Each structure stands twice: as structure tokens, then as C-alpha cells.
């Protein structure tokens, strides 16, 4: 009888350790957690098919594999990452892959995004949250204003990967996560 208690205790401790380790692996700093559904939210389309209008790209993408890139600021690093996201889109658009770059900074970023589209030949929609940090999408998507960017890699309106604080040297993680969801489609 004593042996069964020891085995039970060890098994329970192992289960707790595994659960703790699993939780430690997926620490979300900004954005929806893996497994959460992508929520519908309106953006102001600066350069996409609906330029000058409010649109919900999450609704437009539906179940197609996609990446939503949230960027806090309009700056050179953001421009470089948007260009990389656009290249990823161009390389995979024949597989129904979609992408959108959402600049949280608000309407002040509109001229910057228009110039970026022209200078870099960007095809993905470049959009802004109209109310900046006060936009409801910031709360809905749990965006941390101290995190410079958040990439949500989605399939069937479910977050499959959440990557934050990406720079040009770590963008390969977004590419890898995208290839994983494309392999599932």
C-alpha cells in the first residue's frame, strides 16, 4: 500500500512539473495566446483594396492562413519588418496566404505608410488603428504598448503562433511558423 502512495505522489509531481514547464514555454507578452480565436476588428485601410475605408481584414481572411503584424510605431525598423512580411506574402500568395500590417500609432502614420508602399512596392494592406492606443482592438488583442511588435500566425481564425519583439534577424521565426500553417492547409 505504501508503494502505491509513492508511485501516485511521483506521478502527480511529474504531472505538475510537466504542466509548469508547458506554461513556461508559452509566455505571452503581447497579443492573443496560442489557441485563442482571432477577433473581428475594424481598421482604417491606408493602402489595401479598401484604401480610405474601414475594413475588417480578419473577416476578409476568414479561414485562410495569415499573419497579422501589429506595430507600435512608424519607424525604420517597422518598415524593414513590413517589407519582410510583404516578401513572405508574395512568396506564398499562390497558397491562399494572407498578411496585413497594422500600425497601432493611429492616423498620424497614414502618410508614412503611403510613402512606404510607394518606395518599397508593398502589396499587403497597410492599415492603422484609427484611435491609436485607445482603439478597442488594443484591448481585444491584448497588445502591450511596451512591446514594439506582435506577429500572430493564424489558421482557421485561431492563433497558431504568437511572436513578439521580432527584429530583422529573428524574422525567420515568423517565416518558419508560416510554413508550418501552410503545411496544414
N, C-alpha and C. Protein backbone atom coordinates (compact mmCIF):
# COMPACT_ATOMS: atom_id res chain seq x y z
N UNK A 1 0.82 -1.18 0.00
CA UNK A 1 0.00 0.00 0.00
C UNK A 1 0.87 1.25 0.00
N UNK A 2 1.97 1.22 0.71
CA UNK A 2 2.87 2.36 0.78
C UNK A 2 3.50 2.63 -0.60
N UNK A 3 3.82 1.58 -1.33
CA UNK A 3 4.41 1.73 -2.65
C UNK A 3 3.45 2.45 -3.61
N UNK A 4 2.17 2.14 -3.54
CA UNK A 4 1.20 2.78 -4.43
C UNK A 4 1.09 4.28 -4.13
N UNK A 5 1.22 4.67 -2.85
CA UNK A 5 1.19 6.09 -2.49
C UNK A 5 2.42 6.80 -3.05
N UNK A 6 3.55 6.14 -2.98
CA UNK A 6 4.79 6.73 -3.50
C UNK A 6 4.67 6.91 -5.02
N UNK A 7 4.17 5.89 -5.69
CA UNK A 7 4.01 5.96 -7.15
C UNK A 7 3.03 7.07 -7.51
N UNK A 8 1.91 7.15 -6.78
CA UNK A 8 0.93 8.19 -7.02
C UNK A 8 1.54 9.57 -6.82
N UNK A 9 2.29 9.74 -5.73
CA UNK A 9 2.91 11.03 -5.43
C UNK A 9 3.90 11.42 -6.51
N UNK A 10 4.72 10.46 -6.95
CA UNK A 10 5.68 10.74 -8.01
C UNK A 10 4.99 11.08 -9.33
N UNK A 11 3.93 10.34 -9.65
CA UNK A 11 3.20 10.60 -10.88
C UNK A 11 2.56 11.99 -10.84
N UNK A 12 1.98 12.35 -9.71
CA UNK A 12 1.35 13.66 -9.55
C UNK A 12 2.39 14.77 -9.65
N UNK A 13 3.54 14.57 -9.02
CA UNK A 13 4.61 15.56 -9.08
C UNK A 13 5.11 15.73 -10.52
N UNK A 14 5.21 14.62 -11.24
CA UNK A 14 5.62 14.68 -12.64
C UNK A 14 4.62 15.43 -13.50
N UNK A 15 3.35 15.20 -13.23
CA UNK A 15 2.30 15.90 -13.95
C UNK A 15 2.36 17.40 -13.69
N UNK A 16 2.56 17.77 -12.44
CA UNK A 16 2.67 19.19 -12.09
C UNK A 16 3.89 19.82 -12.76
N UNK A 17 5.00 19.09 -12.78
CA UNK A 17 6.22 19.61 -13.42
C UNK A 17 6.00 19.81 -14.91
N UNK A 18 5.34 18.85 -15.54
CA UNK A 18 5.08 18.97 -16.98
C UNK A 18 4.17 20.16 -17.27
N UNK A 19 3.15 20.34 -16.43
CA UNK A 19 2.24 21.46 -16.62
C UNK A 19 2.96 22.79 -16.42
N UNK A 20 3.81 22.85 -15.43
CA UNK A 20 4.57 24.08 -15.17
C UNK A 20 5.52 24.37 -16.33
N UNK A 21 6.17 23.33 -16.83
CA UNK A 21 7.09 23.51 -17.95
C UNK A 21 6.34 23.96 -19.20
N UNK A 22 5.17 23.38 -19.43
CA UNK A 22 4.38 23.78 -20.60
C UNK A 22 3.97 25.23 -20.50
N UNK A 23 3.60 25.66 -19.33
CA UNK A 23 3.22 27.06 -19.12
C UNK A 23 4.39 27.99 -19.31
N UNK A 24 5.57 27.55 -18.93
CA UNK A 24 6.76 28.40 -19.03
C UNK A 24 7.18 28.59 -20.48
N UNK A 25 6.89 27.61 -21.33
CA UNK A 25 7.29 27.70 -22.72
C UNK A 25 6.49 28.78 -23.44
N UNK A 26 5.21 28.87 -23.17
CA UNK A 26 4.35 29.81 -23.88
C UNK A 26 3.98 30.98 -22.98
N UNK A 27 4.87 31.92 -22.84
CA UNK A 27 4.60 33.12 -22.07
C UNK A 27 4.25 34.23 -23.06
N UNK A 28 3.01 34.65 -23.04
CA UNK A 28 2.55 35.67 -23.96
C UNK A 28 2.84 37.04 -23.37
N UNK A 29 3.61 37.84 -24.11
CA UNK A 29 3.94 39.19 -23.67
C UNK A 29 2.97 40.21 -24.23
N UNK A 30 2.45 39.94 -25.40
CA UNK A 30 1.54 40.85 -26.08
C UNK A 30 0.74 40.04 -27.09
N UNK A 31 -0.53 40.32 -27.20
CA UNK A 31 -1.35 39.64 -28.19
C UNK A 31 -2.09 38.44 -27.64
N UNK A 32 -2.93 37.88 -28.49
CA UNK A 32 -3.71 36.71 -28.13
C UNK A 32 -2.80 35.50 -27.94
N UNK A 33 -3.21 34.61 -27.04
CA UNK A 33 -2.45 33.39 -26.78
C UNK A 33 -2.72 32.36 -27.87
N UNK A 34 -1.80 31.44 -28.03
CA UNK A 34 -1.98 30.33 -28.96
C UNK A 34 -3.26 29.58 -28.56
N UNK A 35 -4.09 29.30 -29.57
CA UNK A 35 -5.35 28.61 -29.33
C UNK A 35 -6.55 29.54 -29.23
N UNK A 36 -6.31 30.83 -29.03
CA UNK A 36 -7.43 31.78 -28.97
C UNK A 36 -7.90 32.11 -30.38
N UNK A 37 -9.19 32.41 -30.49
CA UNK A 37 -9.77 32.79 -31.78
C UNK A 37 -9.42 34.24 -32.11
N UNK A 38 -9.15 34.48 -33.39
CA UNK A 38 -8.91 35.86 -33.83
C UNK A 38 -10.25 36.58 -33.85
N UNK A 39 -10.26 37.76 -33.29
CA UNK A 39 -11.49 38.53 -33.14
C UNK A 39 -11.63 39.55 -34.27
N UNK A 40 -12.86 39.80 -34.66
CA UNK A 40 -13.12 40.79 -35.71
C UNK A 40 -12.89 42.19 -35.16
N UNK A 41 -12.15 43.00 -35.90
CA UNK A 41 -11.94 44.40 -35.52
C UNK A 41 -11.74 45.24 -36.78
N UNK A 42 -12.21 46.48 -36.70
CA UNK A 42 -12.13 47.38 -37.85
C UNK A 42 -10.84 48.18 -37.81
N UNK A 43 -10.26 48.36 -38.98
CA UNK A 43 -9.06 49.19 -39.15
C UNK A 43 -9.36 50.21 -40.23
N UNK A 44 -8.53 51.24 -40.32
CA UNK A 44 -8.60 52.18 -41.43
C UNK A 44 -7.56 51.73 -42.45
N UNK A 45 -8.04 51.35 -43.63
CA UNK A 45 -7.17 50.84 -44.69
C UNK A 45 -6.49 52.02 -45.39
N UNK A 46 -5.17 52.04 -45.32
CA UNK A 46 -4.39 53.12 -45.94
C UNK A 46 -4.03 52.77 -47.37
N UNK A 47 -3.60 51.52 -47.63
CA UNK A 47 -3.08 51.19 -48.96
C UNK A 47 -3.68 49.94 -49.59
N UNK A 48 -4.55 49.24 -48.92
CA UNK A 48 -5.07 47.97 -49.42
C UNK A 48 -6.20 48.15 -50.42
N UNK A 49 -6.90 47.06 -50.68
CA UNK A 49 -8.01 47.06 -51.63
C UNK A 49 -9.14 47.98 -51.21
N UNK A 50 -9.21 48.30 -49.93
CA UNK A 50 -10.27 49.16 -49.40
C UNK A 50 -9.71 50.50 -48.92
N UNK A 51 -8.66 50.97 -49.55
CA UNK A 51 -7.98 52.21 -49.14
C UNK A 51 -8.98 53.34 -48.92
N UNK A 52 -8.82 54.01 -47.77
CA UNK A 52 -9.69 55.12 -47.42
C UNK A 52 -10.96 54.71 -46.70
N UNK A 53 -11.12 53.42 -46.45
CA UNK A 53 -12.34 52.92 -45.80
C UNK A 53 -11.99 52.09 -44.57
N UNK A 54 -13.00 51.90 -43.73
CA UNK A 54 -12.85 50.99 -42.59
C UNK A 54 -13.15 49.58 -43.08
N UNK A 55 -12.36 48.63 -42.62
CA UNK A 55 -12.49 47.24 -43.07
C UNK A 55 -12.05 46.31 -41.94
N UNK A 56 -12.56 45.10 -41.97
CA UNK A 56 -12.11 44.06 -41.04
C UNK A 56 -11.35 43.02 -41.86
N UNK A 57 -10.02 43.06 -41.80
CA UNK A 57 -9.24 42.08 -42.56
C UNK A 57 -9.31 40.69 -41.96
N UNK A 58 -9.52 40.59 -40.66
CA UNK A 58 -9.71 39.27 -40.04
C UNK A 58 -10.94 38.62 -40.67
N UNK A 59 -11.99 39.40 -40.87
CA UNK A 59 -13.22 38.90 -41.51
C UNK A 59 -12.94 38.53 -42.97
N UNK A 60 -12.19 39.36 -43.64
CA UNK A 60 -11.84 39.15 -45.05
C UNK A 60 -11.02 37.87 -45.23
N UNK A 61 -10.08 37.63 -44.33
CA UNK A 61 -9.20 36.46 -44.44
C UNK A 61 -9.91 35.16 -44.11
N UNK A 62 -10.91 35.22 -43.23
CA UNK A 62 -11.65 34.05 -42.77
C UNK A 62 -10.71 32.93 -42.34
N UNK A 63 -10.80 31.76 -42.99
CA UNK A 63 -10.03 30.59 -42.56
C UNK A 63 -8.69 30.44 -43.28
N UNK A 64 -8.38 31.37 -44.17
CA UNK A 64 -7.11 31.28 -44.89
C UNK A 64 -5.93 31.46 -43.93
N UNK A 65 -4.81 30.81 -44.22
CA UNK A 65 -3.61 31.02 -43.40
C UNK A 65 -3.17 32.48 -43.52
N UNK A 66 -2.82 33.09 -42.39
CA UNK A 66 -2.48 34.50 -42.43
C UNK A 66 -1.59 34.92 -41.27
N UNK A 67 -0.99 36.08 -41.44
CA UNK A 67 -0.21 36.72 -40.38
C UNK A 67 -0.75 38.13 -40.21
N UNK A 68 -1.05 38.47 -38.96
CA UNK A 68 -1.39 39.84 -38.61
C UNK A 68 -0.19 40.40 -37.86
N UNK A 69 0.43 41.41 -38.43
CA UNK A 69 1.57 42.05 -37.77
C UNK A 69 1.12 43.36 -37.15
N UNK A 70 1.25 43.47 -35.83
CA UNK A 70 0.93 44.71 -35.13
C UNK A 70 2.24 45.44 -34.82
N UNK A 71 2.30 46.72 -35.16
CA UNK A 71 3.50 47.52 -34.96
C UNK A 71 3.13 48.77 -34.17
N UNK A 72 3.86 49.03 -33.09
CA UNK A 72 3.55 50.18 -32.25
C UNK A 72 3.89 51.51 -32.92
N UNK A 73 4.98 51.55 -33.68
CA UNK A 73 5.46 52.82 -34.23
C UNK A 73 5.74 52.73 -35.72
N UNK A 74 5.73 53.88 -36.36
CA UNK A 74 6.11 54.00 -37.76
C UNK A 74 7.56 54.47 -37.78
N UNK A 75 8.50 53.53 -37.97
CA UNK A 75 9.92 53.87 -37.97
C UNK A 75 10.67 52.94 -38.93
N UNK A 76 11.98 53.10 -39.02
CA UNK A 76 12.79 52.32 -39.96
C UNK A 76 12.72 50.82 -39.68
N UNK A 77 12.76 50.44 -38.41
CA UNK A 77 12.69 49.01 -38.07
C UNK A 77 11.35 48.42 -38.49
N UNK A 78 10.27 49.16 -38.26
CA UNK A 78 8.95 48.70 -38.69
C UNK A 78 8.91 48.57 -40.21
N UNK A 79 9.47 49.53 -40.92
CA UNK A 79 9.50 49.48 -42.39
C UNK A 79 10.21 48.23 -42.88
N UNK A 80 11.33 47.90 -42.25
CA UNK A 80 12.09 46.71 -42.64
C UNK A 80 11.28 45.43 -42.39
N UNK A 81 10.58 45.37 -41.27
CA UNK A 81 9.78 44.19 -40.95
C UNK A 81 8.55 44.08 -41.86
N UNK A 82 7.94 45.21 -42.17
CA UNK A 82 6.80 45.19 -43.09
C UNK A 82 7.26 44.70 -44.47
N UNK A 83 8.43 45.13 -44.92
CA UNK A 83 8.97 44.67 -46.21
C UNK A 83 9.21 43.16 -46.18
N UNK A 84 9.69 42.64 -45.06
CA UNK A 84 9.90 41.18 -44.93
C UNK A 84 8.57 40.44 -44.92
N UNK A 85 7.57 40.99 -44.23
CA UNK A 85 6.24 40.37 -44.21
C UNK A 85 5.63 40.38 -45.61
N UNK A 86 5.83 41.46 -46.34
CA UNK A 86 5.35 41.55 -47.71
C UNK A 86 6.03 40.52 -48.61
N UNK A 87 7.33 40.34 -48.44
CA UNK A 87 8.07 39.33 -49.22
C UNK A 87 7.55 37.92 -48.90
N UNK A 88 7.24 37.67 -47.64
CA UNK A 88 6.67 36.38 -47.23
C UNK A 88 5.32 36.17 -47.91
N UNK A 89 4.52 37.22 -47.94
CA UNK A 89 3.22 37.15 -48.62
C UNK A 89 3.41 36.85 -50.11
N UNK A 90 4.28 37.60 -50.77
CA UNK A 90 4.48 37.43 -52.20
C UNK A 90 4.96 36.01 -52.54
N UNK A 91 5.77 35.43 -51.67
CA UNK A 91 6.29 34.09 -51.90
C UNK A 91 5.23 33.00 -51.70
N UNK A 92 4.14 33.33 -50.99
CA UNK A 92 3.16 32.30 -50.64
C UNK A 92 1.72 32.64 -51.00
N UNK A 93 1.50 33.74 -51.72
CA UNK A 93 0.12 34.15 -52.01
C UNK A 93 -0.60 33.14 -52.89
N UNK A 94 0.13 32.36 -53.69
CA UNK A 94 -0.50 31.33 -54.51
C UNK A 94 -1.04 30.18 -53.66
N UNK A 95 -0.71 30.17 -52.37
CA UNK A 95 -1.20 29.13 -51.44
C UNK A 95 -2.31 29.68 -50.54
N UNK A 96 -2.94 30.78 -50.97
CA UNK A 96 -4.02 31.45 -50.24
C UNK A 96 -3.54 32.09 -48.94
N UNK A 97 -2.25 32.34 -48.84
CA UNK A 97 -1.70 33.01 -47.66
C UNK A 97 -2.00 34.50 -47.73
N UNK A 98 -2.36 35.07 -46.59
CA UNK A 98 -2.68 36.49 -46.50
C UNK A 98 -1.84 37.12 -45.39
N UNK A 99 -1.68 38.43 -45.45
CA UNK A 99 -0.96 39.16 -44.40
C UNK A 99 -1.44 40.60 -44.38
N UNK A 100 -1.36 41.21 -43.21
CA UNK A 100 -1.71 42.61 -43.04
C UNK A 100 -0.79 43.22 -41.99
N UNK A 101 -0.38 44.46 -42.22
CA UNK A 101 0.44 45.19 -41.25
C UNK A 101 -0.43 46.26 -40.61
N UNK A 102 -0.59 46.16 -39.29
CA UNK A 102 -1.44 47.08 -38.53
C UNK A 102 -0.54 48.00 -37.70
N UNK A 103 -0.55 49.29 -38.00
CA UNK A 103 0.23 50.24 -37.23
C UNK A 103 -0.68 50.83 -36.15
N UNK A 104 -0.31 50.58 -34.91
CA UNK A 104 -1.11 50.99 -33.76
C UNK A 104 -1.09 52.50 -33.57
N UNK A 105 -0.04 53.15 -34.03
CA UNK A 105 0.18 54.59 -33.79
C UNK A 105 -1.00 55.48 -34.20
N UNK A 106 -1.88 54.99 -35.05
CA UNK A 106 -3.06 55.77 -35.43
C UNK A 106 -2.91 56.51 -36.74
N UNK A 107 -3.83 57.43 -36.97
CA UNK A 107 -3.94 58.14 -38.25
C UNK A 107 -2.70 58.96 -38.60
N UNK A 108 -1.92 59.34 -37.62
CA UNK A 108 -0.68 60.09 -37.91
C UNK A 108 0.28 59.29 -38.78
N UNK A 109 0.14 57.96 -38.78
CA UNK A 109 1.04 57.10 -39.55
C UNK A 109 0.62 56.97 -41.01
N UNK A 110 -0.53 57.50 -41.37
CA UNK A 110 -1.06 57.35 -42.73
C UNK A 110 -0.08 57.82 -43.82
N UNK A 111 0.46 59.04 -43.77
CA UNK A 111 1.39 59.47 -44.82
C UNK A 111 2.65 58.59 -44.88
N UNK A 112 3.12 58.16 -43.73
CA UNK A 112 4.31 57.30 -43.67
C UNK A 112 4.03 55.98 -44.38
N UNK A 113 2.85 55.40 -44.15
CA UNK A 113 2.50 54.13 -44.79
C UNK A 113 2.32 54.29 -46.30
N UNK A 114 1.74 55.40 -46.72
CA UNK A 114 1.59 55.65 -48.16
C UNK A 114 2.95 55.74 -48.83
N UNK A 115 3.88 56.42 -48.21
CA UNK A 115 5.25 56.54 -48.74
C UNK A 115 5.94 55.18 -48.75
N UNK A 116 5.74 54.39 -47.69
CA UNK A 116 6.36 53.06 -47.61
C UNK A 116 5.86 52.17 -48.74
N UNK A 117 4.58 52.18 -49.00
CA UNK A 117 4.02 51.38 -50.10
C UNK A 117 4.70 51.74 -51.42
N UNK A 118 4.82 53.04 -51.68
CA UNK A 118 5.41 53.50 -52.94
C UNK A 118 6.90 53.16 -53.03
N UNK A 119 7.64 53.43 -51.97
CA UNK A 119 9.09 53.26 -52.03
C UNK A 119 9.52 51.80 -52.03
N UNK A 120 8.75 50.92 -51.40
CA UNK A 120 9.14 49.50 -51.29
C UNK A 120 8.27 48.58 -52.15
N UNK A 121 7.25 49.12 -52.82
CA UNK A 121 6.38 48.27 -53.64
C UNK A 121 5.59 47.26 -52.81
N UNK A 122 5.12 47.69 -51.67
CA UNK A 122 4.41 46.80 -50.74
C UNK A 122 3.03 46.44 -51.30
N UNK A 123 2.70 45.14 -51.29
CA UNK A 123 1.40 44.67 -51.77
C UNK A 123 0.42 44.39 -50.63
N UNK A 124 0.91 43.99 -49.46
CA UNK A 124 -0.02 43.69 -48.37
C UNK A 124 -0.72 44.96 -47.91
N UNK A 125 -1.93 44.83 -47.38
CA UNK A 125 -2.60 46.02 -46.86
C UNK A 125 -1.83 46.63 -45.68
N UNK A 126 -1.66 47.94 -45.73
CA UNK A 126 -1.05 48.69 -44.64
C UNK A 126 -2.18 49.48 -44.01
N UNK A 127 -2.44 49.22 -42.74
CA UNK A 127 -3.62 49.79 -42.08
C UNK A 127 -3.22 50.40 -40.74
N UNK A 128 -4.12 51.21 -40.20
CA UNK A 128 -3.90 51.82 -38.88
C UNK A 128 -5.11 51.59 -38.00
N UNK A 129 -4.86 51.62 -36.70
CA UNK A 129 -5.96 51.68 -35.73
C UNK A 129 -6.31 53.15 -35.60
N UNK A 130 -7.52 53.51 -35.94
CA UNK A 130 -7.91 54.93 -36.01
C UNK A 130 -7.69 55.67 -34.70
N UNK A 131 -7.94 55.03 -33.59
CA UNK A 131 -7.82 55.71 -32.29
C UNK A 131 -6.50 55.40 -31.59
N UNK A 132 -5.54 54.85 -32.32
CA UNK A 132 -4.24 54.56 -31.73
C UNK A 132 -4.35 53.64 -30.52
N UNK A 133 -3.63 53.96 -29.46
CA UNK A 133 -3.63 53.13 -28.25
C UNK A 133 -5.01 53.04 -27.60
N UNK A 134 -5.89 53.97 -27.90
CA UNK A 134 -7.23 53.97 -27.30
C UNK A 134 -8.22 53.14 -28.11
N UNK A 135 -7.78 52.59 -29.23
CA UNK A 135 -8.66 51.78 -30.07
C UNK A 135 -9.05 50.50 -29.34
N UNK A 136 -10.28 50.07 -29.53
CA UNK A 136 -10.78 48.86 -28.86
C UNK A 136 -9.95 47.62 -29.25
N UNK A 137 -9.38 47.61 -30.43
CA UNK A 137 -8.58 46.46 -30.88
C UNK A 137 -7.36 46.23 -29.98
N UNK A 138 -6.82 47.29 -29.40
CA UNK A 138 -5.66 47.15 -28.49
C UNK A 138 -6.05 46.28 -27.30
N UNK A 139 -7.24 46.52 -26.76
CA UNK A 139 -7.71 45.71 -25.62
C UNK A 139 -8.13 44.32 -26.08
N UNK A 140 -8.86 44.24 -27.18
CA UNK A 140 -9.34 42.95 -27.68
C UNK A 140 -8.18 41.99 -27.95
N UNK A 141 -7.13 42.53 -28.53
CA UNK A 141 -5.98 41.70 -28.90
C UNK A 141 -4.89 41.68 -27.83
N UNK A 142 -5.14 42.32 -26.71
CA UNK A 142 -4.24 42.32 -25.55
C UNK A 142 -2.83 42.80 -25.93
N UNK A 143 -2.77 43.88 -26.69
CA UNK A 143 -1.49 44.41 -27.15
C UNK A 143 -0.84 45.24 -26.06
N UNK A 144 0.38 44.90 -25.74
CA UNK A 144 1.16 45.62 -24.73
C UNK A 144 1.88 46.77 -25.43
N UNK A 145 1.63 48.02 -25.01
CA UNK A 145 2.27 49.16 -25.68
C UNK A 145 3.79 49.21 -25.52
N UNK A 146 4.34 48.44 -24.58
CA UNK A 146 5.79 48.43 -24.40
C UNK A 146 6.48 47.41 -25.31
N UNK A 147 5.69 46.58 -26.00
CA UNK A 147 6.24 45.58 -26.93
C UNK A 147 6.15 46.16 -28.33
N UNK A 148 7.31 46.30 -28.99
CA UNK A 148 7.36 47.04 -30.27
C UNK A 148 6.57 46.40 -31.40
N UNK A 149 6.42 45.08 -31.39
CA UNK A 149 5.62 44.43 -32.42
C UNK A 149 5.13 43.08 -31.93
N UNK A 150 4.03 42.65 -32.54
CA UNK A 150 3.42 41.36 -32.23
C UNK A 150 2.99 40.74 -33.55
N UNK A 151 3.44 39.52 -33.82
CA UNK A 151 3.05 38.79 -35.02
C UNK A 151 2.18 37.61 -34.61
N UNK A 152 0.95 37.58 -35.11
CA UNK A 152 0.05 36.46 -34.86
C UNK A 152 -0.06 35.66 -36.15
N UNK A 153 0.33 34.39 -36.08
CA UNK A 153 0.27 33.49 -37.22
C UNK A 153 -0.98 32.63 -37.02
N UNK A 154 -1.92 32.71 -37.97
CA UNK A 154 -3.26 32.17 -37.76
C UNK A 154 -3.70 31.23 -38.87
N UNK A 155 -4.54 30.29 -38.48
CA UNK A 155 -5.17 29.37 -39.42
C UNK A 155 -6.56 29.07 -38.90
N UNK A 156 -7.55 29.11 -39.78
CA UNK A 156 -8.94 28.85 -39.40
C UNK A 156 -9.40 29.75 -38.26
N UNK A 157 -8.95 31.00 -38.29
CA UNK A 157 -9.29 32.04 -37.30
C UNK A 157 -8.87 31.65 -35.88
N UNK A 158 -7.79 30.89 -35.78
CA UNK A 158 -7.21 30.51 -34.49
C UNK A 158 -5.72 30.85 -34.52
N UNK A 159 -5.23 31.45 -33.43
CA UNK A 159 -3.81 31.78 -33.32
C UNK A 159 -3.02 30.48 -33.16
N UNK A 160 -2.09 30.26 -34.07
CA UNK A 160 -1.22 29.08 -34.01
C UNK A 160 0.14 29.42 -33.40
N UNK A 161 0.60 30.66 -33.62
CA UNK A 161 1.88 31.11 -33.08
C UNK A 161 1.77 32.60 -32.76
N UNK A 162 2.34 33.00 -31.62
CA UNK A 162 2.42 34.41 -31.23
C UNK A 162 3.89 34.73 -31.02
N UNK A 163 4.39 35.68 -31.79
CA UNK A 163 5.79 36.09 -31.70
C UNK A 163 5.85 37.58 -31.42
N UNK A 164 6.66 37.98 -30.45
CA UNK A 164 6.75 39.40 -30.09
C UNK A 164 8.19 39.88 -30.10
N UNK A 165 8.34 41.19 -30.28
CA UNK A 165 9.67 41.79 -30.23
C UNK A 165 10.59 41.29 -31.33
N UNK A 166 10.03 41.00 -32.48
CA UNK A 166 10.81 40.48 -33.61
C UNK A 166 11.65 41.62 -34.21
N UNK A 167 12.86 41.27 -34.66
CA UNK A 167 13.68 42.22 -35.42
C UNK A 167 14.09 41.53 -36.72
N UNK A 168 14.86 42.21 -37.53
CA UNK A 168 15.19 41.66 -38.85
C UNK A 168 15.96 40.35 -38.76
N UNK A 169 16.73 40.16 -37.70
CA UNK A 169 17.50 38.91 -37.57
C UNK A 169 16.65 37.75 -37.06
N UNK A 170 15.53 38.03 -36.41
CA UNK A 170 14.69 36.95 -35.88
C UNK A 170 13.40 36.75 -36.69
N UNK A 171 13.26 37.48 -37.81
CA UNK A 171 12.05 37.35 -38.63
C UNK A 171 11.89 35.93 -39.17
N UNK A 172 12.96 35.18 -39.25
CA UNK A 172 12.88 33.79 -39.69
C UNK A 172 11.90 32.97 -38.86
N UNK A 173 11.67 33.35 -37.61
CA UNK A 173 10.69 32.64 -36.78
C UNK A 173 9.28 32.84 -37.33
N UNK A 174 8.98 34.02 -37.86
CA UNK A 174 7.68 34.27 -38.49
C UNK A 174 7.57 33.43 -39.76
N UNK A 175 8.64 33.39 -40.54
CA UNK A 175 8.65 32.59 -41.77
C UNK A 175 8.44 31.11 -41.46
N UNK A 176 9.13 30.61 -40.46
CA UNK A 176 9.01 29.20 -40.07
C UNK A 176 7.60 28.87 -39.59
N UNK A 177 7.03 29.72 -38.76
CA UNK A 177 5.66 29.50 -38.27
C UNK A 177 4.66 29.54 -39.42
N UNK A 178 4.91 30.39 -40.39
CA UNK A 178 4.03 30.48 -41.56
C UNK A 178 4.11 29.19 -42.37
N UNK A 179 5.31 28.67 -42.58
CA UNK A 179 5.45 27.42 -43.32
C UNK A 179 4.74 26.27 -42.61
N UNK A 180 4.74 26.29 -41.29
CA UNK A 180 4.04 25.25 -40.52
C UNK A 180 2.54 25.30 -40.77
N UNK A 181 1.94 26.49 -40.78
CA UNK A 181 0.49 26.55 -41.02
C UNK A 181 0.16 26.25 -42.47
N UNK A 182 1.05 26.64 -43.38
CA UNK A 182 0.80 26.33 -44.79
C UNK A 182 0.85 24.83 -45.04
N UNK A 183 1.66 24.13 -44.30
CA UNK A 183 1.75 22.67 -44.43
C UNK A 183 0.47 21.99 -43.93
N UNK A 184 -0.27 22.66 -43.06
CA UNK A 184 -1.51 22.10 -42.51
C UNK A 184 -2.70 22.32 -43.43
N UNK A 185 -2.59 23.21 -44.38
CA UNK A 185 -3.72 23.56 -45.25
C UNK A 185 -3.81 22.64 -46.43
